[in-house]
Protein backbone atom coordinates (compact mmCIF):
# COMPACT_ATOMS: atom_id res chain seq x y z
CA MET A 1 16.04 -32.59 5.29
CA SER A 2 19.92 -32.42 4.11
CA LEU A 3 21.34 -34.62 1.81
CA LEU A 4 24.06 -36.18 4.89
CA THR A 5 20.56 -36.97 6.93
CA PHE A 6 19.21 -38.70 3.52
CA THR A 7 22.45 -40.38 3.15
CA ASP A 8 22.34 -41.74 6.79
CA ARG A 9 18.44 -43.19 6.27
CA VAL A 10 19.59 -44.97 3.10
CA LYS A 11 22.87 -46.20 4.65
CA ASP A 12 20.34 -47.92 7.76
CA LEU A 13 18.06 -48.74 5.11
CA VAL A 14 20.02 -51.24 3.56
CA LYS A 15 22.88 -51.48 6.69
CA ASP A 16 21.42 -55.88 6.34
CA GLY A 17 21.44 -55.73 2.45
CA SER A 18 19.30 -54.96 -0.18
CA ASN A 19 18.87 -57.62 -3.10
CA ILE A 20 19.00 -55.31 -5.62
CA ASN A 21 22.46 -56.15 -6.65
CA TYR A 22 22.23 -52.91 -8.87
CA LYS A 23 24.05 -49.70 -8.93
CA VAL A 24 21.40 -47.33 -8.06
CA LYS A 25 21.78 -43.26 -8.18
CA PHE A 26 19.32 -40.34 -6.35
CA ALA A 27 20.20 -37.27 -8.08
CA PHE A 28 19.24 -34.13 -6.43
CA GLU A 29 20.45 -30.87 -6.80
CA GLU A 30 21.96 -31.16 -3.59
CA GLY A 31 24.26 -34.08 -4.47
CA VAL A 32 23.89 -37.46 -4.79
CA VAL A 33 23.45 -40.72 -3.28
CA HIS A 34 24.96 -43.70 -4.84
CA VAL A 35 24.71 -47.31 -3.95
CA ASP A 36 26.71 -49.89 -4.99
CA ALA A 37 24.49 -52.88 -3.99
CA THR A 38 26.62 -55.08 -6.31
CA GLN A 39 28.66 -55.56 -3.30
CA GLN A 40 28.07 -57.07 0.06
CA PRO A 41 27.45 -55.28 2.71
CA ASP A 42 26.12 -52.69 -0.06
CA GLN A 43 27.96 -49.32 -0.17
CA VAL A 44 26.45 -46.21 0.43
CA SER A 45 28.21 -42.33 -0.76
CA ASN A 46 27.84 -39.15 -1.90
CA GLU A 47 30.42 -39.84 -4.75
CA ASP A 48 29.08 -39.70 -8.04
CA LYS A 49 29.61 -42.71 -9.56
CA ASP A 50 28.17 -44.51 -12.78
CA ALA A 51 24.96 -46.35 -11.84
CA ASP A 52 22.84 -48.66 -13.89
CA THR A 53 19.95 -46.39 -12.46
CA THR A 54 19.50 -43.12 -12.01
CA ILE A 55 16.34 -41.77 -9.91
CA HIS A 56 16.10 -37.83 -10.41
CA MET A 57 13.66 -36.31 -7.80
CA SER A 58 13.97 -33.10 -5.07
CA LEU A 59 15.19 -34.21 -1.66
CA ASN A 60 11.97 -33.64 -0.23
CA ASN A 61 10.31 -35.92 -2.29
CA ALA A 62 12.84 -38.51 -1.82
CA ASN A 63 12.29 -38.08 1.90
CA LYS A 64 9.04 -38.80 1.67
CA PHE A 65 9.63 -42.08 -0.39
CA LEU A 66 11.32 -43.18 1.77
CA ASP A 67 8.59 -42.56 4.99
CA GLY A 68 5.76 -43.74 2.55
CA GLN A 69 4.12 -40.93 1.67
CA LEU A 70 5.06 -40.93 -2.27
CA ASN A 71 3.57 -43.13 -4.68
CA VAL A 72 6.26 -43.88 -6.90
CA THR A 73 4.37 -44.69 -10.11
CA MET A 74 1.90 -41.01 -9.60
CA ALA A 75 5.37 -39.10 -8.75
CA PHE A 76 6.90 -40.86 -11.78
CA MET A 77 3.36 -39.79 -14.14
CA THR A 78 3.46 -36.40 -12.84
CA GLY A 79 7.50 -35.69 -13.44
CA LYS A 80 8.27 -35.41 -9.43
CA MET A 81 10.90 -38.31 -10.30
CA LYS A 82 12.47 -39.42 -13.22
CA VAL A 83 14.45 -42.31 -14.04
CA ASP A 84 17.79 -42.44 -16.36
CA GLY A 85 18.68 -46.15 -17.22
CA SER A 86 16.08 -49.34 -16.41
CA MET A 87 12.72 -48.68 -14.57
CA GLY A 88 12.85 -52.79 -13.59
CA VAL A 89 15.28 -51.50 -11.32
CA ALA A 90 13.75 -48.38 -9.95
CA MET A 91 10.31 -50.41 -9.49
CA LYS A 92 12.79 -52.99 -7.77
CA VAL A 93 14.35 -49.94 -5.63
CA ALA A 94 10.55 -49.14 -4.81
CA LYS A 95 9.62 -52.70 -3.89
CA PHE A 96 12.88 -52.84 -1.37
CA VAL A 97 11.96 -49.57 0.77
CA GLU A 98 8.30 -50.56 0.36
CA SER A 99 9.37 -53.57 2.53
CA LYS A 100 10.69 -51.65 5.30
CA GLN A 101 8.25 -49.75 6.26
């Protein structure tokens, strides 16, 4: 799946608001997806902007995450996901994604 497809999936996911209230960046080899959830509505772009938390993983694993096929805790413990910034924010993102499945 492409970066553009992942970006579109994230836009669809947050279209009604996420209530995350932080800036979150998903960082991939292919590029980034930045979600500014401090604004209403949430703003999603592929610009490499500053974020409160950056989640590093492969694009393949990120899509599994959105599909509910990747356990965030296990992904972190096994090195499939790395977090720069607040782990609490990353968990808030995970809970939001789970609530949309």
